[in-house]
N, C-alpha and C. Protein backbone atom coordinates (compact mmCIF):
# COMPACT_ATOMS: atom_id res chain seq x y z
N UNK A 1 0.83 -1.18 0.00
CA UNK A 1 0.00 0.00 0.00
C UNK A 1 0.88 1.24 0.00
N UNK A 2 0.52 2.20 -0.83
CA UNK A 2 1.20 3.49 -0.91
C UNK A 2 0.28 4.57 -0.35
N UNK A 3 0.87 5.52 0.37
CA UNK A 3 0.08 6.59 0.97
C UNK A 3 0.68 7.94 0.59
N UNK A 4 -0.20 8.85 0.19
CA UNK A 4 0.17 10.23 -0.10
C UNK A 4 -0.46 11.10 0.98
N UNK A 5 0.36 11.85 1.70
CA UNK A 5 -0.13 12.77 2.72
C UNK A 5 -0.04 14.19 2.15
N UNK A 6 -1.19 14.82 2.00
CA UNK A 6 -1.28 16.18 1.48
C UNK A 6 -1.39 17.10 2.69
N UNK A 7 -0.31 17.83 2.95
CA UNK A 7 -0.20 18.63 4.17
C UNK A 7 -0.71 20.06 3.94
N UNK A 8 -1.76 20.41 4.66
CA UNK A 8 -2.21 21.80 4.83
C UNK A 8 -2.33 22.63 3.54
N UNK A 9 -2.89 22.05 2.51
CA UNK A 9 -3.11 22.80 1.26
C UNK A 9 -4.39 23.63 1.41
N UNK A 10 -4.32 24.57 2.32
CA UNK A 10 -5.48 25.38 2.70
C UNK A 10 -5.36 26.79 2.14
N UNK A 11 -6.51 27.40 1.98
CA UNK A 11 -6.57 28.74 1.38
C UNK A 11 -5.66 29.75 2.09
N UNK A 12 -5.64 29.74 3.41
CA UNK A 12 -4.80 30.72 4.12
C UNK A 12 -3.32 30.56 3.83
N UNK A 13 -2.87 29.35 3.51
CA UNK A 13 -1.46 29.13 3.21
C UNK A 13 -1.14 29.33 1.73
N UNK A 14 -2.15 29.34 0.89
CA UNK A 14 -1.93 29.49 -0.55
C UNK A 14 -2.02 30.95 -0.96
N UNK A 15 -3.19 31.56 -0.76
CA UNK A 15 -3.33 32.96 -1.17
C UNK A 15 -4.06 33.79 -0.13
N UNK A 16 -4.11 33.28 1.09
CA UNK A 16 -4.78 33.98 2.18
C UNK A 16 -3.80 34.65 3.12
N UNK A 17 -4.11 34.60 4.41
CA UNK A 17 -3.37 35.32 5.45
C UNK A 17 -1.86 35.05 5.43
N UNK A 18 -1.45 33.82 5.12
CA UNK A 18 -0.03 33.46 5.10
C UNK A 18 0.40 32.95 3.72
N UNK A 19 -0.33 33.32 2.69
CA UNK A 19 -0.04 32.85 1.34
C UNK A 19 1.24 33.44 0.77
N UNK A 20 1.80 32.72 -0.19
CA UNK A 20 3.01 33.18 -0.89
C UNK A 20 2.88 32.83 -2.37
N UNK A 21 3.67 33.49 -3.18
CA UNK A 21 3.67 33.17 -4.61
C UNK A 21 4.21 31.76 -4.83
N UNK A 22 5.11 31.30 -3.98
CA UNK A 22 5.64 29.94 -4.10
C UNK A 22 4.54 28.90 -3.81
N UNK A 23 3.72 29.20 -2.82
CA UNK A 23 2.60 28.29 -2.51
C UNK A 23 1.61 28.25 -3.67
N UNK A 24 1.28 29.40 -4.20
CA UNK A 24 0.37 29.45 -5.35
C UNK A 24 0.93 28.66 -6.53
N UNK A 25 2.25 28.70 -6.69
CA UNK A 25 2.89 28.06 -7.83
C UNK A 25 2.84 26.53 -7.79
N UNK A 26 2.65 25.93 -6.61
CA UNK A 26 2.65 24.46 -6.54
C UNK A 26 1.26 23.85 -6.65
N UNK A 27 0.21 24.65 -6.61
CA UNK A 27 -1.16 24.11 -6.57
C UNK A 27 -1.42 23.17 -7.74
N UNK A 28 -1.03 23.57 -8.94
CA UNK A 28 -1.27 22.72 -10.12
C UNK A 28 -0.51 21.41 -10.01
N UNK A 29 0.75 21.45 -9.56
CA UNK A 29 1.54 20.22 -9.37
C UNK A 29 0.88 19.29 -8.35
N UNK A 30 0.40 19.88 -7.26
CA UNK A 30 -0.24 19.09 -6.21
C UNK A 30 -1.52 18.44 -6.75
N UNK A 31 -2.32 19.20 -7.47
CA UNK A 31 -3.56 18.66 -8.04
C UNK A 31 -3.26 17.49 -8.98
N UNK A 32 -2.25 17.64 -9.84
CA UNK A 32 -1.86 16.56 -10.76
C UNK A 32 -1.40 15.33 -10.00
N UNK A 33 -0.60 15.54 -8.96
CA UNK A 33 -0.08 14.41 -8.17
C UNK A 33 -1.24 13.65 -7.53
N UNK A 34 -2.19 14.37 -6.95
CA UNK A 34 -3.34 13.72 -6.30
C UNK A 34 -4.16 12.95 -7.34
N UNK A 35 -4.47 13.60 -8.47
CA UNK A 35 -5.30 12.96 -9.51
C UNK A 35 -4.66 11.69 -10.04
N UNK A 36 -3.34 11.67 -10.18
CA UNK A 36 -2.66 10.52 -10.75
C UNK A 36 -2.15 9.53 -9.72
N UNK A 37 -2.44 9.74 -8.45
CA UNK A 37 -1.86 8.90 -7.41
C UNK A 37 -2.53 7.54 -7.35
N UNK A 38 -1.70 6.51 -7.36
CA UNK A 38 -2.18 5.14 -7.27
C UNK A 38 -1.98 4.65 -5.84
N UNK A 39 -2.86 5.05 -4.97
CA UNK A 39 -2.77 4.68 -3.56
C UNK A 39 -3.77 5.48 -2.75
N UNK A 40 -3.57 5.48 -1.46
CA UNK A 40 -4.46 6.16 -0.53
C UNK A 40 -3.98 7.59 -0.31
N UNK A 41 -4.92 8.54 -0.34
CA UNK A 41 -4.59 9.95 -0.12
C UNK A 41 -5.21 10.38 1.21
N UNK A 42 -4.36 10.98 2.05
CA UNK A 42 -4.79 11.52 3.36
C UNK A 42 -4.45 13.01 3.35
N UNK A 43 -5.36 13.81 3.89
CA UNK A 43 -5.14 15.25 3.97
C UNK A 43 -4.99 15.67 5.42
N UNK A 44 -4.10 16.64 5.67
CA UNK A 44 -4.08 17.28 6.98
C UNK A 44 -4.59 18.70 6.79
N UNK A 45 -5.15 19.22 7.88
CA UNK A 45 -5.71 20.57 7.83
C UNK A 45 -5.32 21.28 9.15
N UNK A 46 -4.48 22.31 9.03
CA UNK A 46 -4.13 23.14 10.16
C UNK A 46 -5.44 23.71 10.72
N UNK A 47 -5.66 23.58 12.02
CA UNK A 47 -6.95 23.95 12.59
C UNK A 47 -6.76 24.70 13.90
N UNK A 48 -7.18 25.96 13.89
CA UNK A 48 -7.07 26.78 15.10
C UNK A 48 -8.45 27.26 15.54
N UNK A 49 -8.53 27.62 16.80
CA UNK A 49 -9.74 28.17 17.41
C UNK A 49 -9.66 29.70 17.36
N UNK A 50 -10.78 30.37 17.59
CA UNK A 50 -10.77 31.84 17.55
C UNK A 50 -9.77 32.48 18.52
N UNK A 51 -9.42 31.79 19.60
CA UNK A 51 -8.46 32.35 20.57
C UNK A 51 -7.00 32.06 20.19
N UNK A 52 -6.76 31.76 18.91
CA UNK A 52 -5.42 31.43 18.41
C UNK A 52 -4.34 32.39 18.90
N UNK A 53 -4.59 33.68 18.85
CA UNK A 53 -3.55 34.66 19.19
C UNK A 53 -3.08 34.56 20.65
N UNK A 54 -3.85 33.90 21.52
CA UNK A 54 -3.44 33.74 22.91
C UNK A 54 -2.66 32.43 23.14
N UNK A 55 -2.50 31.62 22.08
CA UNK A 55 -1.74 30.37 22.21
C UNK A 55 -0.25 30.65 22.04
N UNK A 56 0.58 29.68 22.40
CA UNK A 56 2.03 29.84 22.22
C UNK A 56 2.36 30.10 20.76
N UNK A 57 1.75 29.32 19.85
CA UNK A 57 2.00 29.53 18.43
C UNK A 57 1.56 30.93 18.01
N UNK A 58 0.39 31.34 18.47
CA UNK A 58 -0.15 32.65 18.11
C UNK A 58 0.70 33.81 18.61
N UNK A 59 1.35 33.62 19.75
CA UNK A 59 2.24 34.66 20.27
C UNK A 59 3.52 34.75 19.44
N UNK A 60 3.95 33.62 18.87
CA UNK A 60 5.16 33.61 18.04
C UNK A 60 4.87 33.92 16.58
N UNK A 61 3.65 33.63 16.14
CA UNK A 61 3.21 33.94 14.78
C UNK A 61 1.86 34.65 14.89
N UNK A 62 1.89 35.95 15.18
CA UNK A 62 0.63 36.67 15.46
C UNK A 62 -0.17 37.04 14.21
N UNK A 63 -0.47 36.03 13.42
CA UNK A 63 -1.31 36.21 12.22
C UNK A 63 -2.42 35.16 12.31
N UNK A 64 -3.65 35.62 12.50
CA UNK A 64 -4.75 34.66 12.54
C UNK A 64 -4.84 33.93 11.21
N UNK A 65 -4.92 32.61 11.27
CA UNK A 65 -5.02 31.79 10.06
C UNK A 65 -5.66 30.46 10.40
N UNK A 66 -6.27 29.86 9.39
CA UNK A 66 -6.85 28.52 9.51
C UNK A 66 -7.76 28.39 10.73
N UNK A 67 -8.56 29.43 10.97
CA UNK A 67 -9.53 29.37 12.06
C UNK A 67 -10.65 28.42 11.61
N UNK A 68 -10.91 27.43 12.43
CA UNK A 68 -11.85 26.36 12.08
C UNK A 68 -13.14 26.92 11.47
N UNK A 69 -13.53 26.32 10.36
CA UNK A 69 -14.74 26.64 9.59
C UNK A 69 -14.70 27.97 8.84
N UNK A 70 -13.55 28.65 8.83
CA UNK A 70 -13.41 29.87 8.04
C UNK A 70 -13.06 29.50 6.60
N UNK A 71 -13.14 30.45 5.71
CA UNK A 71 -12.78 30.21 4.30
C UNK A 71 -11.29 29.85 4.19
N UNK A 72 -10.45 30.51 4.97
CA UNK A 72 -9.01 30.24 4.94
C UNK A 72 -8.64 28.86 5.44
N UNK A 73 -9.48 28.26 6.28
CA UNK A 73 -9.25 26.93 6.85
C UNK A 73 -9.51 25.83 5.82
N UNK A 74 -10.33 26.12 4.85
CA UNK A 74 -10.73 25.08 3.89
C UNK A 74 -9.58 24.69 2.97
N UNK A 75 -9.57 23.41 2.58
CA UNK A 75 -8.62 22.93 1.58
C UNK A 75 -9.00 23.57 0.25
N UNK A 76 -8.01 23.99 -0.51
CA UNK A 76 -8.25 24.68 -1.77
C UNK A 76 -9.21 23.89 -2.66
N UNK A 77 -10.18 24.59 -3.24
CA UNK A 77 -11.11 23.91 -4.14
C UNK A 77 -10.48 23.62 -5.50
N UNK A 78 -9.22 23.99 -5.68
CA UNK A 78 -8.48 23.63 -6.91
C UNK A 78 -7.90 22.21 -6.81
N UNK A 79 -8.07 21.60 -5.65
CA UNK A 79 -7.56 20.24 -5.44
C UNK A 79 -8.71 19.25 -5.41
N UNK A 80 -8.47 18.06 -5.96
CA UNK A 80 -9.51 17.02 -5.89
C UNK A 80 -9.51 16.37 -4.51
N UNK A 81 -10.61 16.56 -3.78
CA UNK A 81 -10.75 15.93 -2.47
C UNK A 81 -12.02 15.08 -2.52
N UNK A 82 -11.84 13.77 -2.51
CA UNK A 82 -12.97 12.85 -2.52
C UNK A 82 -13.83 13.09 -1.29
N UNK A 83 -15.15 12.98 -1.44
CA UNK A 83 -16.05 13.24 -0.31
C UNK A 83 -15.80 12.28 0.85
N UNK A 84 -15.22 11.13 0.60
CA UNK A 84 -14.92 10.17 1.65
C UNK A 84 -13.45 10.21 2.10
N UNK A 85 -12.73 11.23 1.68
CA UNK A 85 -11.30 11.32 1.97
C UNK A 85 -11.06 11.42 3.47
N UNK A 86 -9.96 10.85 3.90
CA UNK A 86 -9.53 10.97 5.30
C UNK A 86 -8.89 12.35 5.45
N UNK A 87 -9.46 13.18 6.31
CA UNK A 87 -8.92 14.51 6.60
C UNK A 87 -8.66 14.57 8.10
N UNK A 88 -7.44 14.91 8.45
CA UNK A 88 -7.05 14.99 9.85
C UNK A 88 -6.81 16.45 10.21
N UNK A 89 -7.62 16.96 11.11
CA UNK A 89 -7.43 18.31 11.63
C UNK A 89 -6.32 18.26 12.67
N UNK A 90 -5.40 19.21 12.59
CA UNK A 90 -4.28 19.21 13.55
C UNK A 90 -4.11 20.60 14.15
N UNK A 91 -3.96 20.67 15.48
CA UNK A 91 -3.85 21.96 16.15
C UNK A 91 -2.44 22.55 16.15
N UNK A 92 -1.48 21.79 15.67
CA UNK A 92 -0.10 22.25 15.67
C UNK A 92 0.62 21.70 14.45
N UNK A 93 1.93 21.93 14.37
CA UNK A 93 2.69 21.60 13.15
C UNK A 93 2.61 20.13 12.78
N UNK A 94 3.00 19.25 13.70
CA UNK A 94 2.96 17.82 13.45
C UNK A 94 1.68 17.23 14.04
N UNK A 95 1.18 16.18 13.41
CA UNK A 95 -0.08 15.59 13.85
C UNK A 95 0.15 14.23 14.52
N UNK A 96 -0.04 14.20 15.84
CA UNK A 96 0.03 12.92 16.55
C UNK A 96 -1.03 11.98 16.01
N UNK A 97 -2.21 12.53 15.70
CA UNK A 97 -3.31 11.71 15.18
C UNK A 97 -2.90 11.03 13.87
N UNK A 98 -2.19 11.75 13.01
CA UNK A 98 -1.71 11.16 11.75
C UNK A 98 -0.75 10.01 12.04
N UNK A 99 0.19 10.21 12.94
CA UNK A 99 1.14 9.15 13.29
C UNK A 99 0.44 7.92 13.84
N UNK A 100 -0.51 8.13 14.75
CA UNK A 100 -1.25 7.01 15.34
C UNK A 100 -2.10 6.29 14.29
N UNK A 101 -2.73 7.07 13.42
CA UNK A 101 -3.56 6.49 12.35
C UNK A 101 -2.71 5.61 11.44
N UNK A 102 -1.56 6.12 11.02
CA UNK A 102 -0.68 5.34 10.14
C UNK A 102 -0.13 4.10 10.85
N UNK A 103 0.18 4.23 12.12
CA UNK A 103 0.67 3.10 12.90
C UNK A 103 -0.40 1.99 12.97
N UNK A 104 -1.63 2.37 13.25
CA UNK A 104 -2.73 1.39 13.30
C UNK A 104 -2.96 0.76 11.92
N UNK A 105 -2.92 1.59 10.88
CA UNK A 105 -3.10 1.10 9.51
C UNK A 105 -2.02 0.07 9.16
N UNK A 106 -0.80 0.32 9.62
CA UNK A 106 0.32 -0.58 9.31
C UNK A 106 0.17 -1.94 9.99
N UNK A 107 -0.66 -2.02 11.02
CA UNK A 107 -0.90 -3.30 11.69
C UNK A 107 -1.87 -4.17 10.89
N UNK A 108 -2.68 -3.52 10.04
CA UNK A 108 -3.67 -4.23 9.24
C UNK A 108 -3.19 -4.51 7.83
N UNK A 109 -2.33 -3.65 7.33
CA UNK A 109 -1.88 -3.74 5.94
C UNK A 109 -0.43 -3.25 5.85
N UNK A 110 0.34 -3.85 4.96
CA UNK A 110 1.73 -3.41 4.78
C UNK A 110 1.75 -2.08 4.05
N UNK A 111 2.42 -1.11 4.66
CA UNK A 111 2.61 0.19 4.01
C UNK A 111 3.97 0.15 3.33
N UNK A 112 3.97 0.24 2.00
CA UNK A 112 5.22 0.16 1.23
C UNK A 112 5.98 1.48 1.22
N UNK A 113 5.23 2.59 1.23
CA UNK A 113 5.88 3.90 1.26
C UNK A 113 4.85 4.97 1.59
N UNK A 114 5.37 6.08 2.10
CA UNK A 114 4.55 7.25 2.40
C UNK A 114 5.24 8.45 1.76
N UNK A 115 4.46 9.22 1.02
CA UNK A 115 4.99 10.43 0.38
C UNK A 115 4.23 11.64 0.92
N UNK A 116 4.94 12.71 1.20
CA UNK A 116 4.33 13.94 1.67
C UNK A 116 4.50 15.04 0.64
N UNK A 117 3.46 15.86 0.52
CA UNK A 117 3.48 17.05 -0.32
C UNK A 117 2.71 18.13 0.42
N UNK A 118 2.91 19.39 0.06
CA UNK A 118 2.09 20.44 0.64
C UNK A 118 2.86 21.59 1.25
N UNK A 119 2.24 22.18 2.27
CA UNK A 119 2.72 23.43 2.87
C UNK A 119 2.83 23.28 4.39
N UNK A 120 3.70 23.98 4.93
CA UNK A 120 4.91 24.60 4.41
C UNK A 120 6.05 23.60 4.61
N UNK A 121 6.92 23.50 3.64
CA UNK A 121 8.02 22.54 3.68
C UNK A 121 8.77 22.62 5.00
N UNK A 122 9.06 23.84 5.42
CA UNK A 122 9.94 24.10 6.56
C UNK A 122 9.24 24.12 7.91
N UNK A 123 7.93 23.87 7.93
CA UNK A 123 7.22 23.84 9.20
C UNK A 123 6.42 22.54 9.30
N UNK A 124 5.31 22.46 8.62
CA UNK A 124 4.41 21.31 8.80
C UNK A 124 4.82 20.08 8.00
N UNK A 125 5.39 20.26 6.81
CA UNK A 125 5.82 19.09 6.05
C UNK A 125 6.95 18.38 6.78
N UNK A 126 7.98 19.13 7.16
CA UNK A 126 9.11 18.50 7.86
C UNK A 126 8.67 17.91 9.20
N UNK A 127 7.80 18.60 9.93
CA UNK A 127 7.33 18.09 11.22
C UNK A 127 6.62 16.75 11.05
N UNK A 128 5.76 16.65 10.06
CA UNK A 128 5.02 15.41 9.84
C UNK A 128 5.89 14.31 9.25
N UNK A 129 6.84 14.66 8.40
CA UNK A 129 7.75 13.65 7.85
C UNK A 129 8.57 13.01 8.97
N UNK A 130 9.10 13.83 9.87
CA UNK A 130 9.89 13.30 10.98
C UNK A 130 9.02 12.52 11.96
N UNK A 131 7.82 12.99 12.18
CA UNK A 131 6.88 12.29 13.06
C UNK A 131 6.55 10.91 12.49
N UNK A 132 6.28 10.85 11.19
CA UNK A 132 5.97 9.56 10.55
C UNK A 132 7.17 8.63 10.66
N UNK A 133 8.37 9.16 10.47
CA UNK A 133 9.59 8.36 10.59
C UNK A 133 9.71 7.79 12.00
N UNK A 134 9.30 8.56 13.01
CA UNK A 134 9.36 8.09 14.39
C UNK A 134 8.34 6.97 14.65
N UNK A 135 7.14 7.10 14.08
CA UNK A 135 6.11 6.08 14.26
C UNK A 135 6.39 4.83 13.43
N UNK A 136 6.92 5.02 12.22
CA UNK A 136 7.13 3.89 11.29
C UNK A 136 8.55 3.95 10.73
N UNK A 137 9.56 3.64 11.54
CA UNK A 137 10.94 3.82 11.11
C UNK A 137 11.38 2.94 9.93
N UNK A 138 10.67 1.85 9.68
CA UNK A 138 11.06 0.97 8.58
C UNK A 138 10.29 1.22 7.28
N UNK A 139 9.37 2.17 7.30
CA UNK A 139 8.62 2.50 6.09
C UNK A 139 9.35 3.63 5.36
N UNK A 140 9.67 3.46 4.09
CA UNK A 140 10.30 4.54 3.34
C UNK A 140 9.39 5.76 3.26
N UNK A 141 9.95 6.92 3.57
CA UNK A 141 9.21 8.18 3.54
C UNK A 141 9.88 9.10 2.52
N UNK A 142 9.04 9.73 1.70
CA UNK A 142 9.53 10.61 0.63
C UNK A 142 8.81 11.96 0.69
N UNK A 143 9.45 12.96 0.12
CA UNK A 143 8.85 14.27 -0.07
C UNK A 143 9.12 14.67 -1.52
N UNK A 144 8.11 15.23 -2.16
CA UNK A 144 8.26 15.73 -3.53
C UNK A 144 8.47 17.24 -3.48
N UNK A 145 9.71 17.72 -3.69
CA UNK A 145 10.00 19.15 -3.60
C UNK A 145 9.18 20.00 -4.57
N UNK A 146 8.79 19.45 -5.71
CA UNK A 146 8.01 20.21 -6.70
C UNK A 146 6.56 20.40 -6.26
N UNK A 147 6.16 19.69 -5.21
CA UNK A 147 4.80 19.79 -4.69
C UNK A 147 4.80 20.34 -3.26
N UNK A 148 5.87 21.06 -2.93
CA UNK A 148 5.99 21.69 -1.61
C UNK A 148 6.48 23.12 -1.79
N UNK A 149 6.18 23.95 -0.82
CA UNK A 149 6.71 25.31 -0.79
C UNK A 149 6.93 25.68 0.67
N UNK A 150 8.01 26.41 0.90
CA UNK A 150 8.32 26.86 2.25
C UNK A 150 7.90 28.29 2.46
N UNK A 151 8.15 28.77 3.66
CA UNK A 151 7.87 30.17 3.97
C UNK A 151 8.70 31.07 3.06
N UNK A 152 9.95 30.64 2.81
CA UNK A 152 10.81 31.31 1.83
C UNK A 152 11.48 30.22 1.00
N UNK A 153 11.97 30.55 -0.19
CA UNK A 153 12.70 29.54 -0.97
C UNK A 153 13.90 28.97 -0.20
N UNK A 154 14.60 29.81 0.55
CA UNK A 154 15.76 29.33 1.31
C UNK A 154 15.35 28.37 2.42
N UNK A 155 14.28 28.70 3.14
CA UNK A 155 13.85 27.79 4.21
C UNK A 155 13.30 26.48 3.65
N UNK A 156 12.71 26.53 2.45
CA UNK A 156 12.27 25.31 1.75
C UNK A 156 13.49 24.42 1.49
N UNK A 157 14.54 25.00 0.92
CA UNK A 157 15.76 24.23 0.62
C UNK A 157 16.40 23.68 1.89
N UNK A 158 16.44 24.50 2.95
CA UNK A 158 17.01 24.03 4.23
C UNK A 158 16.23 22.84 4.79
N UNK A 159 14.92 22.90 4.69
CA UNK A 159 14.08 21.80 5.19
C UNK A 159 14.32 20.53 4.38
N UNK A 160 14.44 20.68 3.07
CA UNK A 160 14.71 19.50 2.23
C UNK A 160 16.04 18.86 2.62
N UNK A 161 17.05 19.67 2.86
CA UNK A 161 18.36 19.13 3.28
C UNK A 161 18.25 18.44 4.63
N UNK A 162 17.52 19.04 5.56
CA UNK A 162 17.36 18.42 6.88
C UNK A 162 16.63 17.08 6.77
N UNK A 163 15.58 17.03 5.95
CA UNK A 163 14.86 15.77 5.79
C UNK A 163 15.73 14.71 5.14
N UNK A 164 16.51 15.12 4.15
CA UNK A 164 17.41 14.17 3.48
C UNK A 164 18.39 13.57 4.49
N UNK A 165 18.89 14.41 5.41
CA UNK A 165 19.81 13.92 6.43
C UNK A 165 19.13 12.94 7.38
N UNK A 166 17.83 13.03 7.50
CA UNK A 166 17.06 12.13 8.36
C UNK A 166 16.48 10.96 7.59
N UNK A 167 17.05 10.66 6.44
CA UNK A 167 16.69 9.52 5.61
C UNK A 167 15.28 9.59 5.04
N UNK A 168 14.85 10.80 4.75
CA UNK A 168 13.60 11.02 4.04
C UNK A 168 13.99 11.32 2.60
N UNK A 169 13.52 10.49 1.68
CA UNK A 169 13.92 10.61 0.28
C UNK A 169 13.24 11.79 -0.42
N UNK A 170 13.93 12.34 -1.39
CA UNK A 170 13.38 13.41 -2.21
C UNK A 170 13.06 12.86 -3.59
N UNK A 171 11.88 13.18 -4.09
CA UNK A 171 11.44 12.68 -5.39
C UNK A 171 11.78 13.67 -6.46
């Protein structure tokens, strides 16, 4: 079984509160990857409450974003999301729920590989890639740089190098 994890491809990270031209530039690549993927697709969705600015993350990044049920919180409608798709809401960068879900899934079925794509390479993609590696150390984990964007091009490149050093393959 192959799994594609689409990380936080939400409006606020693409062209909303924290959007970038680099994020906008990968949307088409991400859509193509999802449409042509021969395996299971799982989505993560950064999810904050209205009191976000009073949280530790909100104090360090004082930009309201991905407030649950807002337009910015929604996964981009430019991406194909099956109505029965597994979507994991996560309150922080890495998702413990994703790790636990994949661990349970691996007990029922052999996971041959996991690939991550999405936003932001240097925050949520790297956090989830390393988290998955911790939960499933023997499953090959990959990231597709053409389907990821960082906060800046330099931080994107730095994250890719860090993941490569942690035995996460680049496609």
